[in-house]
């Protein structure tokens, strides 16, 4: 992937499926990718959000994890914008 910002929608996925989808996106992100915006939902997406924090907190490519524009989105920052 050579996009600066990548969106992944995890709605309807089980935790294991979602983790594999996010792992694939992180692994295939090119050097020009700044952020991966993970859309997991809020009501039933909290287990997916927790999985994202637990699984990618210490990933070498992920600099930091921040909340998105709303509670159903989590952003993986791979590279700072400045």
C-alpha atoms as a PDB file:
ATOM      1  CA  UNK A   1       0.000   0.000   0.000  1.00  0.00           C
ATOM      2  CA  UNK A   2       1.367   3.396  -0.931  1.00  0.00           C
ATOM      3  CA  UNK A   3      -1.323   5.546   0.606  1.00  0.00           C
ATOM      4  CA  UNK A   4      -0.589   8.219   3.202  1.00  0.00           C
ATOM      5  CA  UNK A   5      -3.681   7.377   5.237  1.00  0.00           C
ATOM      6  CA  UNK A   6      -5.307   3.952   5.284  1.00  0.00           C
ATOM      7  CA  UNK A   7      -8.811   3.152   6.575  1.00  0.00           C
ATOM      8  CA  UNK A   8      -9.770  -0.334   7.754  1.00  0.00           C
ATOM      9  CA  UNK A   9     -13.367  -1.184   8.648  1.00  0.00           C
ATOM     10  CA  UNK A  10     -13.596  -4.044  11.139  1.00  0.00           C
ATOM     11  CA  UNK A  11     -17.391  -4.109  11.510  1.00  0.00           C
ATOM     12  CA  UNK A  12     -18.702  -7.669  11.608  1.00  0.00           C
ATOM     13  CA  UNK A  13     -15.289  -9.249  12.229  1.00  0.00           C
ATOM     14  CA  UNK A  14     -14.357 -11.442  15.150  1.00  0.00           C
ATOM     15  CA  UNK A  15     -11.375 -10.384  17.227  1.00  0.00           C
ATOM     16  CA  UNK A  16      -9.021 -12.889  15.553  1.00  0.00           C
ATOM     17  CA  UNK A  17     -10.095 -11.839  12.042  1.00  0.00           C
ATOM     18  CA  UNK A  18      -9.755  -8.169  12.920  1.00  0.00           C
ATOM     19  CA  UNK A  19      -6.280  -8.647  14.379  1.00  0.00           C
ATOM     20  CA  UNK A  20      -5.107 -10.375  11.180  1.00  0.00           C
ATOM     21  CA  UNK A  21      -6.586  -7.591   9.028  1.00  0.00           C
ATOM     22  CA  UNK A  22      -4.814  -4.888  11.044  1.00  0.00           C
ATOM     23  CA  UNK A  23      -1.548  -6.881  11.075  1.00  0.00           C
ATOM     24  CA  UNK A  24      -1.726  -7.178   7.287  1.00  0.00           C
ATOM     25  CA  UNK A  25      -2.326  -3.437   6.894  1.00  0.00           C
ATOM     26  CA  UNK A  26       0.565  -2.541   9.205  1.00  0.00           C
ATOM     27  CA  UNK A  27       2.924  -4.996   7.499  1.00  0.00           C
ATOM     28  CA  UNK A  28       2.037  -3.806   3.993  1.00  0.00           C
ATOM     29  CA  UNK A  29       2.108  -0.073   4.832  1.00  0.00           C
ATOM     30  CA  UNK A  30       4.768   1.662   2.806  1.00  0.00           C
ATOM     31  CA  UNK A  31       7.261   4.251   4.033  1.00  0.00           C
ATOM     32  CA  UNK A  32       4.890   7.045   2.979  1.00  0.00           C
ATOM     33  CA  UNK A  33       2.020   5.850   5.195  1.00  0.00           C
ATOM     34  CA  UNK A  34       1.389   8.155   8.135  1.00  0.00           C
ATOM     35  CA  UNK A  35      -1.651   6.637   9.796  1.00  0.00           C
ATOM     36  CA  UNK A  36      -3.965   3.661   9.738  1.00  0.00           C
ATOM     37  CA  UNK A  37      -7.455   4.593  10.863  1.00  0.00           C
ATOM     38  CA  UNK A  38      -9.178   1.526  12.301  1.00  0.00           C
ATOM     39  CA  UNK A  39     -12.981   1.736  12.351  1.00  0.00           C
ATOM     40  CA  UNK A  40     -14.225  -0.769  14.921  1.00  0.00           C
ATOM     41  CA  UNK A  41     -17.497   0.710  16.147  1.00  0.00           C
ATOM     42  CA  UNK A  42     -18.425   1.646  19.662  1.00  0.00           C
ATOM     43  CA  UNK A  43     -21.254  -0.468  21.069  1.00  0.00           C
ATOM     44  CA  UNK A  44     -19.794  -3.875  20.329  1.00  0.00           C
ATOM     45  CA  UNK A  45     -16.442  -2.626  19.033  1.00  0.00           C
ATOM     46  CA  UNK A  46     -14.858  -2.059  22.422  1.00  0.00           C
ATOM     47  CA  UNK A  47     -13.338  -5.567  22.447  1.00  0.00           C
ATOM     48  CA  UNK A  48     -11.781  -4.779  19.057  1.00  0.00           C
ATOM     49  CA  UNK A  49     -10.463  -1.476  20.395  1.00  0.00           C
ATOM     50  CA  UNK A  50      -8.926  -3.247  23.372  1.00  0.00           C
ATOM     51  CA  UNK A  51      -7.343  -5.828  21.058  1.00  0.00           C
ATOM     52  CA  UNK A  52      -5.791  -3.039  18.972  1.00  0.00           C
ATOM     53  CA  UNK A  53      -4.193  -1.440  22.042  1.00  0.00           C
ATOM     54  CA  UNK A  54      -3.007  -4.789  23.416  1.00  0.00           C
ATOM     55  CA  UNK A  55      -1.667  -6.211  20.146  1.00  0.00           C
ATOM     56  CA  UNK A  56      -0.084  -3.141  18.544  1.00  0.00           C
ATOM     57  CA  UNK A  57       1.155  -1.154  21.538  1.00  0.00           C
ATOM     58  CA  UNK A  58       4.666  -2.603  21.165  1.00  0.00           C
ATOM     59  CA  UNK A  59       4.732  -3.096  17.398  1.00  0.00           C
ATOM     60  CA  UNK A  60       7.945  -1.809  15.793  1.00  0.00           C
ATOM     61  CA  UNK A  61       6.119   0.050  13.005  1.00  0.00           C
ATOM     62  CA  UNK A  62       3.503   1.690  15.255  1.00  0.00           C
ATOM     63  CA  UNK A  63       4.836   4.842  16.919  1.00  0.00           C
ATOM     64  CA  UNK A  64       1.724   5.453  19.013  1.00  0.00           C
ATOM     65  CA  UNK A  65      -1.982   4.722  19.223  1.00  0.00           C
ATOM     66  CA  UNK A  66      -4.491   7.547  19.581  1.00  0.00           C
ATOM     67  CA  UNK A  67      -8.293   7.810  19.743  1.00  0.00           C
ATOM     68  CA  UNK A  68      -9.990   8.788  16.498  1.00  0.00           C
ATOM     69  CA  UNK A  69     -12.587  11.431  15.739  1.00  0.00           C
ATOM     70  CA  UNK A  70     -15.185   9.431  17.645  1.00  0.00           C
ATOM     71  CA  UNK A  71     -15.208   6.543  20.116  1.00  0.00           C
ATOM     72  CA  UNK A  72     -15.614   3.968  17.335  1.00  0.00           C
ATOM     73  CA  UNK A  73     -12.263   4.790  15.715  1.00  0.00           C
ATOM     74  CA  UNK A  74      -8.674   4.155  16.788  1.00  0.00           C
ATOM     75  CA  UNK A  75      -5.670   5.528  14.886  1.00  0.00           C
ATOM     76  CA  UNK A  76      -2.316   3.790  14.570  1.00  0.00           C
ATOM     77  CA  UNK A  77       0.353   6.421  13.944  1.00  0.00           C
ATOM     78  CA  UNK A  78       3.183   4.961  11.870  1.00  0.00           C
ATOM     79  CA  UNK A  79       4.923   8.212  11.042  1.00  0.00           C
ATOM     80  CA  UNK A  80       4.523  11.740  12.338  1.00  0.00           C
ATOM     81  CA  UNK A  81       3.120  14.354   9.961  1.00  0.00           C
ATOM     82  CA  UNK A  82       5.842  16.935  10.577  1.00  0.00           C
END
